[in-house]
Amino acid sequence: MHTSRALFAAVLALLAAGCGKPVPPDKAAYVGEWQQPAMYLLITADGSVSYKRLKGGATTSVDAPLKKFDGDNFEAGVGPMSTVFVVSKPPYQVDGKWKMVVDGVELTRTHDLGSSK
């Protein structure tokens, strides 16, 4: 069972490689590594999204290309398999630190990965 999951994940990763849409210039503040103790989000300028969240004893993770932005929200995935990340507060600064609220969780940017903001 674990071998088939690993194979599926590897095939998905190969399909996803190079398929992400770059982050548009007006969303450059989203680029970076965002964290909170139970949640991790990485958005790269070239359009890769990596997400991991611990909630209720279960871990959810997504490693996929960026598909699009819809207002402040963004979608990542391949074909019909995708996830929408609901951004209730886009990137903003508090006391010199960048914050963003995604899926109801306030994250702090720990690395900006060269974003312009």
N, C-alpha and C. Protein backbone atom coordinates (compact mmCIF):
# COMPACT_ATOMS: atom_id res chain seq x y z
N MET A 1 0.82 -1.19 0.00
CA MET A 1 0.00 0.00 0.00
C MET A 1 0.87 1.26 0.00
N HIS A 2 1.89 1.29 0.86
CA HIS A 2 2.76 2.46 0.92
C HIS A 2 3.52 2.64 -0.39
N THR A 3 3.90 1.54 -1.05
CA THR A 3 4.62 1.63 -2.31
C THR A 3 3.74 2.27 -3.37
N SER A 4 2.47 1.89 -3.45
CA SER A 4 1.60 2.48 -4.45
C SER A 4 1.35 3.97 -4.17
N ARG A 5 1.25 4.34 -2.90
CA ARG A 5 1.10 5.77 -2.56
C ARG A 5 2.34 6.55 -2.96
N ALA A 6 3.51 5.97 -2.68
CA ALA A 6 4.76 6.64 -3.03
C ALA A 6 4.88 6.78 -4.54
N LEU A 7 4.48 5.75 -5.28
CA LEU A 7 4.53 5.81 -6.73
C LEU A 7 3.57 6.86 -7.26
N PHE A 8 2.34 6.90 -6.71
CA PHE A 8 1.35 7.90 -7.11
C PHE A 8 1.89 9.31 -6.84
N ALA A 9 2.48 9.52 -5.66
CA ALA A 9 3.04 10.83 -5.30
C ALA A 9 4.17 11.21 -6.26
N ALA A 10 5.00 10.24 -6.62
CA ALA A 10 6.10 10.51 -7.54
C ALA A 10 5.59 10.88 -8.93
N VAL A 11 4.57 10.16 -9.41
CA VAL A 11 3.99 10.47 -10.71
C VAL A 11 3.35 11.85 -10.69
N LEU A 12 2.62 12.15 -9.62
CA LEU A 12 2.00 13.47 -9.48
C LEU A 12 3.06 14.57 -9.47
N ALA A 13 4.15 14.33 -8.76
CA ALA A 13 5.23 15.31 -8.71
C ALA A 13 5.83 15.54 -10.09
N LEU A 14 6.00 14.47 -10.86
CA LEU A 14 6.55 14.61 -12.21
C LEU A 14 5.59 15.38 -13.11
N LEU A 15 4.30 15.08 -12.98
CA LEU A 15 3.30 15.81 -13.77
C LEU A 15 3.26 17.28 -13.39
N ALA A 16 3.44 17.54 -12.11
CA ALA A 16 3.35 18.91 -11.61
C ALA A 16 4.59 19.73 -11.93
N ALA A 17 5.71 19.08 -12.11
CA ALA A 17 6.97 19.80 -12.34
C ALA A 17 6.85 20.72 -13.55
N GLY A 18 7.11 21.97 -13.31
CA GLY A 18 7.10 22.93 -14.40
C GLY A 18 5.72 23.39 -14.84
N CYS A 19 4.67 22.94 -14.19
CA CYS A 19 3.31 23.29 -14.60
C CYS A 19 2.74 24.47 -13.83
N GLY A 20 3.44 24.92 -12.80
CA GLY A 20 2.92 26.02 -11.99
C GLY A 20 2.99 27.33 -12.73
N LYS A 21 2.01 28.20 -12.45
CA LYS A 21 2.02 29.53 -13.02
C LYS A 21 2.79 30.44 -12.09
N PRO A 22 3.72 31.23 -12.61
CA PRO A 22 4.44 32.15 -11.74
C PRO A 22 3.49 33.09 -11.00
N VAL A 23 3.90 33.49 -9.82
CA VAL A 23 3.09 34.42 -9.02
C VAL A 23 3.08 35.76 -9.76
N PRO A 24 1.90 36.32 -10.01
CA PRO A 24 1.84 37.61 -10.71
C PRO A 24 2.48 38.72 -9.88
N PRO A 25 3.02 39.74 -10.54
CA PRO A 25 3.68 40.83 -9.82
C PRO A 25 2.83 41.47 -8.73
N ASP A 26 1.51 41.59 -8.95
CA ASP A 26 0.66 42.23 -7.94
C ASP A 26 0.42 41.33 -6.72
N LYS A 27 0.88 40.07 -6.78
CA LYS A 27 0.75 39.14 -5.65
C LYS A 27 2.12 38.75 -5.10
N ALA A 28 3.16 39.52 -5.43
CA ALA A 28 4.52 39.20 -5.02
C ALA A 28 4.68 39.07 -3.50
N ALA A 29 3.85 39.78 -2.73
CA ALA A 29 3.95 39.70 -1.27
C ALA A 29 3.59 38.32 -0.74
N TYR A 30 2.91 37.50 -1.54
CA TYR A 30 2.55 36.14 -1.13
C TYR A 30 3.76 35.20 -1.14
N VAL A 31 4.76 35.54 -1.93
CA VAL A 31 5.93 34.67 -2.07
C VAL A 31 6.71 34.62 -0.77
N GLY A 32 7.01 33.41 -0.33
CA GLY A 32 7.80 33.23 0.89
C GLY A 32 7.40 31.99 1.64
N GLU A 33 8.04 31.85 2.77
CA GLU A 33 7.77 30.74 3.68
C GLU A 33 6.99 31.30 4.85
N TRP A 34 5.78 30.78 5.06
CA TRP A 34 4.86 31.26 6.08
C TRP A 34 4.64 30.16 7.10
N GLN A 35 4.66 30.52 8.40
CA GLN A 35 4.54 29.48 9.42
C GLN A 35 3.73 29.93 10.63
N GLN A 36 3.28 28.94 11.33
CA GLN A 36 2.61 29.02 12.61
C GLN A 36 2.81 27.64 13.19
N PRO A 37 2.79 27.43 14.50
CA PRO A 37 3.13 26.10 15.03
C PRO A 37 2.43 24.90 14.37
N ALA A 38 1.17 25.02 13.96
CA ALA A 38 0.46 23.87 13.40
C ALA A 38 0.26 23.97 11.88
N MET A 39 0.91 24.97 11.25
CA MET A 39 0.71 25.14 9.80
C MET A 39 1.95 25.71 9.15
N TYR A 40 2.24 25.21 7.93
CA TYR A 40 3.39 25.65 7.14
C TYR A 40 2.91 25.87 5.71
N LEU A 41 3.34 26.98 5.10
CA LEU A 41 2.98 27.27 3.72
C LEU A 41 4.19 27.90 3.02
N LEU A 42 4.55 27.33 1.88
CA LEU A 42 5.64 27.85 1.07
C LEU A 42 5.08 28.17 -0.32
N ILE A 43 5.28 29.39 -0.75
CA ILE A 43 4.88 29.81 -2.09
C ILE A 43 6.12 30.38 -2.77
N THR A 44 6.52 29.79 -3.89
CA THR A 44 7.70 30.28 -4.60
C THR A 44 7.28 31.15 -5.77
N ALA A 45 8.16 32.03 -6.19
CA ALA A 45 7.86 32.96 -7.28
C ALA A 45 7.54 32.22 -8.57
N ASP A 46 8.13 31.03 -8.77
CA ASP A 46 7.89 30.28 -10.01
C ASP A 46 6.58 29.49 -9.99
N GLY A 47 5.84 29.54 -8.87
CA GLY A 47 4.53 28.92 -8.83
C GLY A 47 4.43 27.57 -8.15
N SER A 48 5.31 27.26 -7.23
CA SER A 48 5.21 26.03 -6.46
C SER A 48 4.58 26.34 -5.11
N VAL A 49 3.70 25.44 -4.65
CA VAL A 49 3.04 25.61 -3.36
C VAL A 49 3.26 24.34 -2.55
N SER A 50 3.72 24.52 -1.32
CA SER A 50 3.87 23.41 -0.38
C SER A 50 3.16 23.81 0.90
N TYR A 51 2.28 22.93 1.38
CA TYR A 51 1.42 23.23 2.52
C TYR A 51 1.35 22.02 3.43
N LYS A 52 1.39 22.27 4.73
CA LYS A 52 1.23 21.20 5.71
C LYS A 52 0.50 21.78 6.92
N ARG A 53 -0.55 21.06 7.38
CA ARG A 53 -1.31 21.55 8.52
C ARG A 53 -1.70 20.38 9.42
N LEU A 54 -1.52 20.60 10.71
CA LEU A 54 -1.95 19.64 11.73
C LEU A 54 -3.20 20.20 12.37
N LYS A 55 -4.30 19.43 12.28
CA LYS A 55 -5.58 19.89 12.84
C LYS A 55 -6.36 18.67 13.32
N GLY A 56 -6.76 18.69 14.57
CA GLY A 56 -7.55 17.60 15.11
C GLY A 56 -6.85 16.26 15.07
N GLY A 57 -5.54 16.26 15.21
CA GLY A 57 -4.77 15.03 15.21
C GLY A 57 -4.47 14.47 13.83
N ALA A 58 -4.93 15.14 12.78
CA ALA A 58 -4.66 14.68 11.41
C ALA A 58 -3.78 15.70 10.69
N THR A 59 -2.94 15.20 9.81
CA THR A 59 -2.06 16.07 9.03
C THR A 59 -2.56 16.11 7.59
N THR A 60 -2.68 17.31 7.06
CA THR A 60 -3.03 17.51 5.66
C THR A 60 -1.82 18.15 4.99
N SER A 61 -1.46 17.63 3.83
CA SER A 61 -0.34 18.26 3.11
C SER A 61 -0.64 18.31 1.62
N VAL A 62 -0.10 19.34 0.99
CA VAL A 62 -0.26 19.56 -0.44
C VAL A 62 1.08 20.04 -0.97
N ASP A 63 1.55 19.43 -2.03
CA ASP A 63 2.71 19.89 -2.78
C ASP A 63 2.26 19.92 -4.24
N ALA A 64 2.01 21.11 -4.77
CA ALA A 64 1.42 21.21 -6.09
C ALA A 64 1.78 22.54 -6.74
N PRO A 65 1.58 22.61 -8.05
CA PRO A 65 1.82 23.89 -8.74
C PRO A 65 0.66 24.86 -8.51
N LEU A 66 0.98 26.12 -8.53
CA LEU A 66 -0.02 27.18 -8.44
C LEU A 66 -0.82 27.18 -9.74
N LYS A 67 -2.15 27.19 -9.61
CA LYS A 67 -3.01 27.24 -10.80
C LYS A 67 -3.45 28.66 -11.09
N LYS A 68 -3.91 29.37 -10.04
CA LYS A 68 -4.39 30.73 -10.28
C LYS A 68 -4.68 31.43 -8.96
N PHE A 69 -4.81 32.75 -9.07
CA PHE A 69 -5.32 33.58 -7.97
C PHE A 69 -6.74 33.97 -8.35
N ASP A 70 -7.61 34.03 -7.36
CA ASP A 70 -8.98 34.49 -7.54
C ASP A 70 -9.23 35.49 -6.42
N GLY A 71 -9.06 36.76 -6.72
CA GLY A 71 -9.08 37.78 -5.68
C GLY A 71 -7.87 37.57 -4.78
N ASP A 72 -8.09 37.45 -3.47
CA ASP A 72 -6.99 37.20 -2.55
C ASP A 72 -6.70 35.71 -2.42
N ASN A 73 -7.64 34.85 -2.77
CA ASN A 73 -7.47 33.40 -2.66
C ASN A 73 -6.60 32.87 -3.79
N PHE A 74 -6.03 31.68 -3.58
CA PHE A 74 -5.26 31.05 -4.64
C PHE A 74 -5.55 29.57 -4.68
N GLU A 75 -5.33 28.97 -5.84
CA GLU A 75 -5.62 27.56 -6.07
C GLU A 75 -4.35 26.86 -6.52
N ALA A 76 -4.12 25.67 -5.97
CA ALA A 76 -2.97 24.86 -6.34
C ALA A 76 -3.44 23.45 -6.66
N GLY A 77 -2.81 22.83 -7.64
CA GLY A 77 -3.17 21.46 -7.99
C GLY A 77 -2.85 21.15 -9.43
N VAL A 78 -3.25 19.92 -9.83
CA VAL A 78 -3.04 19.45 -11.19
C VAL A 78 -4.38 18.95 -11.72
N GLY A 79 -4.80 19.48 -12.85
CA GLY A 79 -6.06 19.06 -13.45
C GLY A 79 -7.21 19.29 -12.49
N PRO A 80 -8.11 18.28 -12.39
CA PRO A 80 -9.27 18.44 -11.50
C PRO A 80 -8.92 18.29 -10.02
N MET A 81 -7.73 17.82 -9.72
CA MET A 81 -7.31 17.66 -8.31
C MET A 81 -6.65 18.95 -7.86
N SER A 82 -7.41 19.77 -7.14
CA SER A 82 -6.86 21.05 -6.69
C SER A 82 -7.43 21.44 -5.35
N THR A 83 -6.77 22.40 -4.73
CA THR A 83 -7.16 22.92 -3.43
C THR A 83 -7.20 24.43 -3.51
N VAL A 84 -8.27 25.02 -2.97
CA VAL A 84 -8.38 26.47 -2.89
C VAL A 84 -7.97 26.90 -1.49
N PHE A 85 -7.05 27.82 -1.41
CA PHE A 85 -6.61 28.38 -0.14
C PHE A 85 -7.34 29.71 0.04
N VAL A 86 -8.14 29.78 1.09
CA VAL A 86 -8.94 30.97 1.36
C VAL A 86 -8.11 31.96 2.18
N VAL A 87 -7.86 33.12 1.59
CA VAL A 87 -7.05 34.15 2.23
C VAL A 87 -7.99 35.26 2.71
N SER A 88 -8.25 35.27 4.02
CA SER A 88 -9.15 36.29 4.55
C SER A 88 -8.43 37.61 4.81
N LYS A 89 -7.10 37.56 4.98
CA LYS A 89 -6.30 38.79 5.09
C LYS A 89 -5.03 38.57 4.28
N PRO A 90 -4.92 39.24 3.13
CA PRO A 90 -3.69 39.10 2.33
C PRO A 90 -2.50 39.66 3.09
N PRO A 91 -1.28 39.42 2.58
CA PRO A 91 -0.08 39.86 3.31
C PRO A 91 -0.15 41.32 3.78
N TYR A 92 0.20 41.49 5.06
CA TYR A 92 0.21 42.81 5.69
C TYR A 92 1.32 42.82 6.74
N GLN A 93 1.76 44.01 7.13
CA GLN A 93 2.84 44.13 8.10
C GLN A 93 2.33 44.55 9.47
N VAL A 94 2.93 43.93 10.51
CA VAL A 94 2.68 44.29 11.91
C VAL A 94 4.05 44.32 12.59
N ASP A 95 4.42 45.47 13.11
CA ASP A 95 5.70 45.63 13.80
C ASP A 95 6.87 45.09 12.97
N GLY A 96 6.85 45.36 11.67
CA GLY A 96 7.95 44.96 10.80
C GLY A 96 7.92 43.51 10.35
N LYS A 97 6.91 42.75 10.77
CA LYS A 97 6.79 41.35 10.36
C LYS A 97 5.61 41.20 9.42
N TRP A 98 5.79 40.37 8.37
CA TRP A 98 4.72 40.11 7.43
C TRP A 98 3.83 39.01 7.97
N LYS A 99 2.51 39.23 7.86
CA LYS A 99 1.49 38.28 8.30
C LYS A 99 0.51 38.05 7.16
N MET A 100 -0.20 36.93 7.22
CA MET A 100 -1.25 36.63 6.26
C MET A 100 -2.19 35.62 6.94
N VAL A 101 -3.49 35.75 6.70
CA VAL A 101 -4.45 34.80 7.28
C VAL A 101 -4.97 33.90 6.15
N VAL A 102 -4.62 32.61 6.26
CA VAL A 102 -4.99 31.61 5.27
C VAL A 102 -5.80 30.51 5.95
N ASP A 103 -6.94 30.19 5.40
CA ASP A 103 -7.81 29.16 5.97
C ASP A 103 -8.07 29.39 7.46
N GLY A 104 -8.22 30.67 7.83
CA GLY A 104 -8.52 31.03 9.21
C GLY A 104 -7.34 31.03 10.17
N VAL A 105 -6.12 30.83 9.66
CA VAL A 105 -4.93 30.77 10.51
C VAL A 105 -4.00 31.94 10.16
N GLU A 106 -3.59 32.69 11.19
CA GLU A 106 -2.63 33.78 10.97
C GLU A 106 -1.23 33.19 10.89
N LEU A 107 -0.58 33.41 9.75
CA LEU A 107 0.77 32.94 9.51
C LEU A 107 1.74 34.11 9.51
N THR A 108 2.99 33.85 9.87
CA THR A 108 4.05 34.86 9.83
C THR A 108 5.07 34.42 8.79
N ARG A 109 5.49 35.35 7.93
CA ARG A 109 6.51 35.00 6.93
C ARG A 109 7.85 34.93 7.61
N THR A 110 8.49 33.77 7.49
CA THR A 110 9.79 33.55 8.12
C THR A 110 10.94 33.72 7.13
N HIS A 111 10.67 33.57 5.84
CA HIS A 111 11.65 33.81 4.77
C HIS A 111 10.89 34.43 3.61
N ASP A 112 11.43 35.51 3.04
CA ASP A 112 10.70 36.17 1.96
C ASP A 112 11.05 35.67 0.58
N LEU A 113 12.10 34.87 0.42
CA LEU A 113 12.47 34.27 -0.86
C LEU A 113 12.57 35.27 -2.00
N GLY A 114 12.97 36.48 -1.66
CA GLY A 114 13.21 37.47 -2.71
C GLY A 114 11.99 38.20 -3.19
N SER A 115 10.89 38.15 -2.44
CA SER A 115 9.72 38.93 -2.88
C SER A 115 10.08 40.40 -2.83
N SER A 116 9.35 41.18 -3.58
CA SER A 116 9.71 42.59 -3.70
C SER A 116 9.17 43.46 -2.58
N LYS A 117 8.45 42.88 -1.63
CA LYS A 117 7.86 43.70 -0.57
C LYS A 117 8.48 43.42 0.76
